[in-house]
Amino acid sequence: MCTENGSLNGRPHHVPSPGTLLVDTSRQGRVGEFRGVAGPYWSLRPVCGGTEWEAEPEHVRPADAIERLRAENARCNARSRGEVL
């Protein structure tokens, strides 16, 4: 589910629901979970845990099926190694 939040280049953009997997194209296609809005930026968290980062909404797109599968697989592997997520 998405909600409208301001405009981007004169066009409205939609804010994804928390937990939605997104790809930050400005960071070599890094996949992260949407956490919320921080001013003009979106906060994303690495799927396997770690430090959140902020991305400009125009550089973020929804993860496709293979990207979601890879992210979920990485999360499962980290959990099986006993990493704290």
N, C-alpha and C. Protein backbone atom coordinates (compact mmCIF):
# COMPACT_ATOMS: atom_id res chain seq x y z
N MET A 1 0.84 -1.17 0.00
CA MET A 1 0.00 0.00 0.00
C MET A 1 0.89 1.24 0.00
N CYS A 2 0.48 2.22 -0.77
CA CYS A 2 1.26 3.44 -0.87
C CYS A 2 0.38 4.63 -0.52
N THR A 3 1.01 5.68 -0.06
CA THR A 3 0.31 6.93 0.20
C THR A 3 1.02 8.03 -0.53
N GLU A 4 0.27 9.06 -0.91
CA GLU A 4 0.87 10.17 -1.61
C GLU A 4 1.63 11.05 -0.63
N ASN A 5 2.80 11.52 -1.05
CA ASN A 5 3.61 12.36 -0.18
C ASN A 5 4.36 13.38 -1.02
N GLY A 6 3.76 14.53 -1.26
CA GLY A 6 4.44 15.60 -1.97
C GLY A 6 4.53 15.34 -3.45
N SER A 7 5.48 16.04 -4.09
CA SER A 7 5.64 15.88 -5.52
C SER A 7 7.11 15.71 -5.85
N LEU A 8 7.34 15.12 -6.97
CA LEU A 8 8.68 14.84 -7.44
C LEU A 8 8.76 15.31 -8.88
N ASN A 9 9.57 16.33 -9.13
CA ASN A 9 9.66 16.91 -10.47
C ASN A 9 8.29 17.31 -11.00
N GLY A 10 7.47 17.87 -10.12
CA GLY A 10 6.14 18.31 -10.51
C GLY A 10 5.10 17.22 -10.57
N ARG A 11 5.50 15.97 -10.34
CA ARG A 11 4.55 14.86 -10.35
C ARG A 11 4.44 14.28 -8.95
N PRO A 12 3.24 13.88 -8.52
CA PRO A 12 3.13 13.30 -7.18
C PRO A 12 3.85 11.95 -7.13
N HIS A 13 4.47 11.66 -5.98
CA HIS A 13 5.05 10.33 -5.79
C HIS A 13 4.40 9.69 -4.58
N HIS A 14 4.51 8.40 -4.52
CA HIS A 14 3.83 7.64 -3.47
C HIS A 14 4.84 7.03 -2.52
N VAL A 15 4.51 7.08 -1.26
CA VAL A 15 5.37 6.52 -0.22
C VAL A 15 4.94 5.08 0.03
N PRO A 16 5.87 4.13 -0.08
CA PRO A 16 5.53 2.73 0.15
C PRO A 16 5.26 2.44 1.63
N SER A 17 4.67 1.31 1.88
CA SER A 17 4.42 0.86 3.25
C SER A 17 5.74 0.42 3.88
N PRO A 18 5.89 0.60 5.20
CA PRO A 18 7.10 0.12 5.87
C PRO A 18 7.30 -1.37 5.62
N GLY A 19 8.56 -1.74 5.37
CA GLY A 19 8.89 -3.14 5.10
C GLY A 19 8.95 -3.48 3.62
N THR A 20 8.47 -2.59 2.76
CA THR A 20 8.52 -2.83 1.32
C THR A 20 9.97 -2.85 0.86
N LEU A 21 10.31 -3.84 0.05
CA LEU A 21 11.68 -3.93 -0.48
C LEU A 21 11.83 -3.01 -1.67
N LEU A 22 12.86 -2.15 -1.61
CA LEU A 22 13.12 -1.17 -2.65
C LEU A 22 14.58 -1.27 -3.09
N VAL A 23 14.85 -0.79 -4.29
CA VAL A 23 16.20 -0.75 -4.84
C VAL A 23 16.63 0.70 -4.96
N ASP A 24 17.79 1.02 -4.39
CA ASP A 24 18.37 2.36 -4.48
C ASP A 24 19.32 2.36 -5.67
N THR A 25 18.89 2.95 -6.78
CA THR A 25 19.70 2.93 -8.00
C THR A 25 20.93 3.83 -7.90
N SER A 26 20.96 4.73 -6.93
CA SER A 26 22.13 5.59 -6.76
C SER A 26 23.25 4.88 -5.98
N ARG A 27 22.97 3.69 -5.48
CA ARG A 27 23.97 2.91 -4.72
C ARG A 27 24.15 1.53 -5.33
N GLN A 28 24.39 1.50 -6.62
CA GLN A 28 24.64 0.26 -7.36
C GLN A 28 23.56 -0.79 -7.15
N GLY A 29 22.31 -0.38 -7.07
CA GLY A 29 21.21 -1.32 -6.96
C GLY A 29 21.05 -1.96 -5.60
N ARG A 30 21.48 -1.28 -4.56
CA ARG A 30 21.38 -1.82 -3.20
C ARG A 30 19.91 -1.97 -2.81
N VAL A 31 19.57 -3.12 -2.26
CA VAL A 31 18.19 -3.42 -1.84
C VAL A 31 18.04 -3.14 -0.35
N GLY A 32 16.95 -2.49 0.00
CA GLY A 32 16.68 -2.20 1.40
C GLY A 32 15.19 -2.19 1.69
N GLU A 33 14.86 -2.31 2.96
CA GLU A 33 13.47 -2.22 3.41
C GLU A 33 13.13 -0.76 3.67
N PHE A 34 11.99 -0.34 3.18
CA PHE A 34 11.54 1.02 3.45
C PHE A 34 11.18 1.14 4.92
N ARG A 35 11.72 2.17 5.59
CA ARG A 35 11.46 2.38 7.02
C ARG A 35 10.61 3.61 7.29
N GLY A 36 10.70 4.62 6.44
CA GLY A 36 9.92 5.83 6.65
C GLY A 36 10.50 7.00 5.89
N VAL A 37 9.89 8.15 6.11
CA VAL A 37 10.30 9.39 5.45
C VAL A 37 11.08 10.23 6.44
N ALA A 38 12.20 10.77 5.99
CA ALA A 38 13.04 11.65 6.80
C ALA A 38 13.26 12.92 6.00
N GLY A 39 12.39 13.88 6.17
CA GLY A 39 12.46 15.11 5.38
C GLY A 39 12.18 14.78 3.92
N PRO A 40 13.07 15.20 3.01
CA PRO A 40 12.86 14.90 1.59
C PRO A 40 13.36 13.52 1.19
N TYR A 41 13.93 12.77 2.13
CA TYR A 41 14.53 11.47 1.83
C TYR A 41 13.69 10.31 2.36
N TRP A 42 13.94 9.14 1.81
CA TRP A 42 13.34 7.91 2.32
C TRP A 42 14.42 7.15 3.06
N SER A 43 14.08 6.61 4.22
CA SER A 43 15.02 5.81 5.01
C SER A 43 14.87 4.35 4.61
N LEU A 44 15.99 3.74 4.29
CA LEU A 44 16.04 2.33 3.91
C LEU A 44 16.99 1.61 4.85
N ARG A 45 16.67 0.36 5.14
CA ARG A 45 17.50 -0.46 6.03
C ARG A 45 17.95 -1.69 5.26
N PRO A 46 19.22 -2.06 5.37
CA PRO A 46 19.68 -3.27 4.69
C PRO A 46 18.86 -4.48 5.13
N VAL A 47 18.60 -5.36 4.22
CA VAL A 47 17.76 -6.53 4.50
C VAL A 47 18.37 -7.42 5.58
N CYS A 48 19.69 -7.53 5.60
CA CYS A 48 20.35 -8.39 6.59
C CYS A 48 20.81 -7.62 7.82
N GLY A 49 20.22 -6.47 8.05
CA GLY A 49 20.59 -5.66 9.21
C GLY A 49 21.72 -4.71 8.87
N GLY A 50 21.92 -3.77 9.73
CA GLY A 50 22.98 -2.80 9.52
C GLY A 50 22.44 -1.39 9.62
N THR A 51 23.26 -0.45 9.23
CA THR A 51 22.92 0.96 9.35
C THR A 51 21.97 1.39 8.25
N GLU A 52 20.92 2.08 8.65
CA GLU A 52 19.98 2.64 7.68
C GLU A 52 20.67 3.71 6.86
N TRP A 53 20.16 3.95 5.67
CA TRP A 53 20.67 5.04 4.85
C TRP A 53 19.48 5.80 4.28
N GLU A 54 19.75 7.00 3.83
CA GLU A 54 18.70 7.83 3.24
C GLU A 54 18.91 7.89 1.74
N ALA A 55 17.80 7.80 1.02
CA ALA A 55 17.84 7.83 -0.44
C ALA A 55 16.85 8.86 -0.95
N GLU A 56 17.20 9.46 -2.06
CA GLU A 56 16.27 10.38 -2.70
C GLU A 56 15.21 9.55 -3.41
N PRO A 57 13.94 9.90 -3.24
CA PRO A 57 12.86 9.09 -3.83
C PRO A 57 12.99 8.87 -5.34
N GLU A 58 13.57 9.84 -6.06
CA GLU A 58 13.69 9.67 -7.51
C GLU A 58 14.72 8.60 -7.89
N HIS A 59 15.54 8.16 -6.93
CA HIS A 59 16.54 7.12 -7.19
C HIS A 59 16.11 5.76 -6.61
N VAL A 60 14.87 5.65 -6.21
CA VAL A 60 14.38 4.42 -5.59
C VAL A 60 13.25 3.84 -6.44
N ARG A 61 13.29 2.52 -6.60
CA ARG A 61 12.22 1.82 -7.32
C ARG A 61 11.89 0.54 -6.58
N PRO A 62 10.71 0.00 -6.82
CA PRO A 62 10.35 -1.28 -6.17
C PRO A 62 11.28 -2.39 -6.65
N ALA A 63 11.60 -3.30 -5.75
CA ALA A 63 12.41 -4.46 -6.12
C ALA A 63 11.59 -5.40 -6.99
N ASP A 64 12.22 -5.95 -8.02
CA ASP A 64 11.50 -6.93 -8.85
C ASP A 64 11.56 -8.29 -8.17
N ALA A 65 10.95 -9.27 -8.78
CA ALA A 65 10.81 -10.60 -8.15
C ALA A 65 12.16 -11.23 -7.80
N ILE A 66 13.13 -11.18 -8.71
CA ILE A 66 14.42 -11.81 -8.45
C ILE A 66 15.17 -11.06 -7.36
N GLU A 67 15.06 -9.74 -7.32
CA GLU A 67 15.72 -8.95 -6.27
C GLU A 67 15.11 -9.24 -4.90
N ARG A 68 13.79 -9.40 -4.86
CA ARG A 68 13.14 -9.76 -3.59
C ARG A 68 13.58 -11.15 -3.14
N LEU A 69 13.66 -12.09 -4.06
CA LEU A 69 14.08 -13.45 -3.73
C LEU A 69 15.52 -13.46 -3.20
N ARG A 70 16.41 -12.74 -3.86
CA ARG A 70 17.81 -12.68 -3.40
C ARG A 70 17.90 -12.06 -2.01
N ALA A 71 17.13 -11.00 -1.77
CA ALA A 71 17.16 -10.34 -0.46
C ALA A 71 16.64 -11.26 0.63
N GLU A 72 15.54 -11.95 0.37
CA GLU A 72 14.99 -12.87 1.36
C GLU A 72 15.94 -14.04 1.61
N ASN A 73 16.59 -14.53 0.56
CA ASN A 73 17.56 -15.61 0.71
C ASN A 73 18.75 -15.15 1.55
N ALA A 74 19.22 -13.94 1.31
CA ALA A 74 20.34 -13.41 2.10
C ALA A 74 19.95 -13.27 3.56
N ARG A 75 18.72 -12.84 3.82
CA ARG A 75 18.24 -12.71 5.19
C ARG A 75 18.19 -14.07 5.88
N CYS A 76 17.67 -15.06 5.20
CA CYS A 76 17.59 -16.43 5.76
C CYS A 76 18.99 -16.98 6.04
N ASN A 77 19.92 -16.76 5.11
CA ASN A 77 21.29 -17.24 5.32
C ASN A 77 21.94 -16.57 6.51
N ALA A 78 21.74 -15.26 6.66
CA ALA A 78 22.31 -14.53 7.81
C ALA A 78 21.73 -15.06 9.11
N ARG A 79 20.43 -15.30 9.12
CA ARG A 79 19.78 -15.81 10.33
C ARG A 79 20.31 -17.20 10.67
N SER A 80 20.54 -18.03 9.65
CA SER A 80 21.03 -19.39 9.92
C SER A 80 22.47 -19.38 10.46
N ARG A 81 23.21 -18.32 10.14
CA ARG A 81 24.56 -18.18 10.68
C ARG A 81 24.55 -17.58 12.09
N GLY A 82 23.38 -17.25 12.57
CA GLY A 82 23.26 -16.70 13.92
C GLY A 82 23.48 -15.20 14.00
N GLU A 83 23.48 -14.52 12.87
CA GLU A 83 23.65 -13.08 12.88
C GLU A 83 22.40 -12.40 13.44
N VAL A 84 22.61 -11.34 14.16
CA VAL A 84 21.49 -10.57 14.70
C VAL A 84 21.01 -9.61 13.63
N LEU A 85 19.75 -9.74 13.25
CA LEU A 85 19.20 -8.91 12.18
C LEU A 85 18.46 -7.73 12.73
